[in-house]
């Protein structure tokens, strides 16, 4: 898959995929990286070069990345690495 610039349209595509196919991963990001340990629902709202924007139990949450994302492929690698770094 070719890397695309991280435009709003690409962000929408990533969010749709994550929310439809990887909802438990999105909830895990909120619980671990966002500190919302009791969260019961999380939706990925937007991917930006510096951070992901989530709605967690109806409240906005920002989770910053450890580097500035360069494109869609970097976003994919980063989200996967964050998930793999979770305990358990």
Protein backbone atom coordinates (compact mmCIF):
# COMPACT_ATOMS: atom_id res chain seq x y z
CA UNK A 1 0.00 0.00 0.00
CA UNK A 2 1.37 3.39 -0.99
CA UNK A 3 1.74 6.02 1.70
CA UNK A 4 -0.63 8.98 1.45
CA UNK A 5 -0.20 12.42 3.01
CA UNK A 6 -2.07 12.69 6.31
CA UNK A 7 -5.00 14.73 4.96
CA UNK A 8 -8.43 15.00 6.62
CA UNK A 9 -9.72 12.43 4.10
CA UNK A 10 -6.95 9.98 5.00
CA UNK A 11 -7.63 10.58 8.69
CA UNK A 12 -11.32 9.78 8.09
CA UNK A 13 -10.36 6.55 6.30
CA UNK A 14 -8.05 5.47 9.14
CA UNK A 15 -10.64 6.34 11.80
CA UNK A 16 -13.42 4.49 9.99
CA UNK A 17 -11.22 1.39 9.67
CA UNK A 18 -10.08 1.50 13.30
CA UNK A 19 -13.57 2.07 14.70
CA UNK A 20 -15.19 -0.64 12.54
CA UNK A 21 -12.48 -3.30 12.70
CA UNK A 22 -10.35 -2.51 15.76
CA UNK A 23 -12.68 -0.98 18.35
CA UNK A 24 -11.02 -2.86 21.22
CA UNK A 25 -7.65 -1.39 20.20
CA UNK A 26 -9.10 2.14 20.28
CA UNK A 27 -10.48 1.47 23.76
CA UNK A 28 -7.07 0.12 24.82
CA UNK A 29 -5.38 3.33 23.60
CA UNK A 30 -7.79 5.36 25.77
CA UNK A 31 -7.29 3.17 28.83
CA UNK A 32 -3.50 2.85 28.64
CA UNK A 33 -2.18 5.97 26.90
CA UNK A 34 -5.02 8.26 27.94
CA UNK A 35 -5.25 7.07 31.52
CA UNK A 36 -9.00 6.41 31.27
CA UNK A 37 -8.74 3.04 33.01
CA UNK A 38 -12.49 2.76 33.61
CA UNK A 39 -13.51 3.77 30.06
CA UNK A 40 -16.24 1.63 28.52
CA UNK A 41 -16.38 3.17 25.03
CA UNK A 42 -13.89 4.95 22.79
CA UNK A 43 -14.07 6.20 19.22
CA UNK A 44 -11.15 7.42 17.15
CA UNK A 45 -12.25 10.81 15.84
CA UNK A 46 -9.17 12.16 14.07
CA UNK A 47 -5.54 11.38 13.34
CA UNK A 48 -3.25 14.38 13.18
CA UNK A 49 0.52 14.44 12.72
CA UNK A 50 1.10 15.10 16.44
CA UNK A 51 -1.77 13.24 18.11
CA UNK A 52 -4.90 11.14 17.87
CA UNK A 53 -8.22 12.63 18.95
CA UNK A 54 -10.69 10.27 20.62
CA UNK A 55 -14.14 10.46 22.15
CA UNK A 56 -14.00 8.42 25.37
CA UNK A 57 -17.31 7.83 27.11
CA UNK A 58 -18.52 10.95 25.29
CA UNK A 59 -15.59 13.15 26.37
CA UNK A 60 -12.78 14.40 24.11
CA UNK A 61 -9.30 12.98 24.66
CA UNK A 62 -5.98 13.74 22.98
CA UNK A 63 -3.20 11.17 22.91
CA UNK A 64 0.07 12.56 21.63
CA UNK A 65 2.42 10.47 19.51
CA UNK A 66 6.11 10.11 20.36
CA UNK A 67 7.01 11.69 17.00
CA UNK A 68 5.35 13.69 14.22
CA UNK A 69 3.63 11.37 11.76
CA UNK A 70 4.86 11.83 8.21
CA UNK A 71 2.12 10.01 6.25
CA UNK A 72 -0.50 7.24 6.34
CA UNK A 73 2.08 4.45 6.46
CA UNK A 74 3.81 6.09 9.45
CA UNK A 75 0.39 6.37 11.12
CA UNK A 76 -0.23 2.66 10.55
CA UNK A 77 3.19 1.64 11.90
CA UNK A 78 2.79 3.91 14.92
CA UNK A 79 -0.71 2.68 15.84
CA UNK A 80 0.43 -0.94 15.54
CA UNK A 81 3.57 -0.27 17.62
CA UNK A 82 1.49 1.45 20.31
CA UNK A 83 -0.84 -1.54 20.47
CA UNK A 84 2.04 -4.03 20.63
CA UNK A 85 3.65 -2.03 23.46
CA UNK A 86 0.60 -2.48 25.69
CA UNK A 87 1.09 -4.75 28.69
CA UNK A 88 -0.45 -8.21 28.59
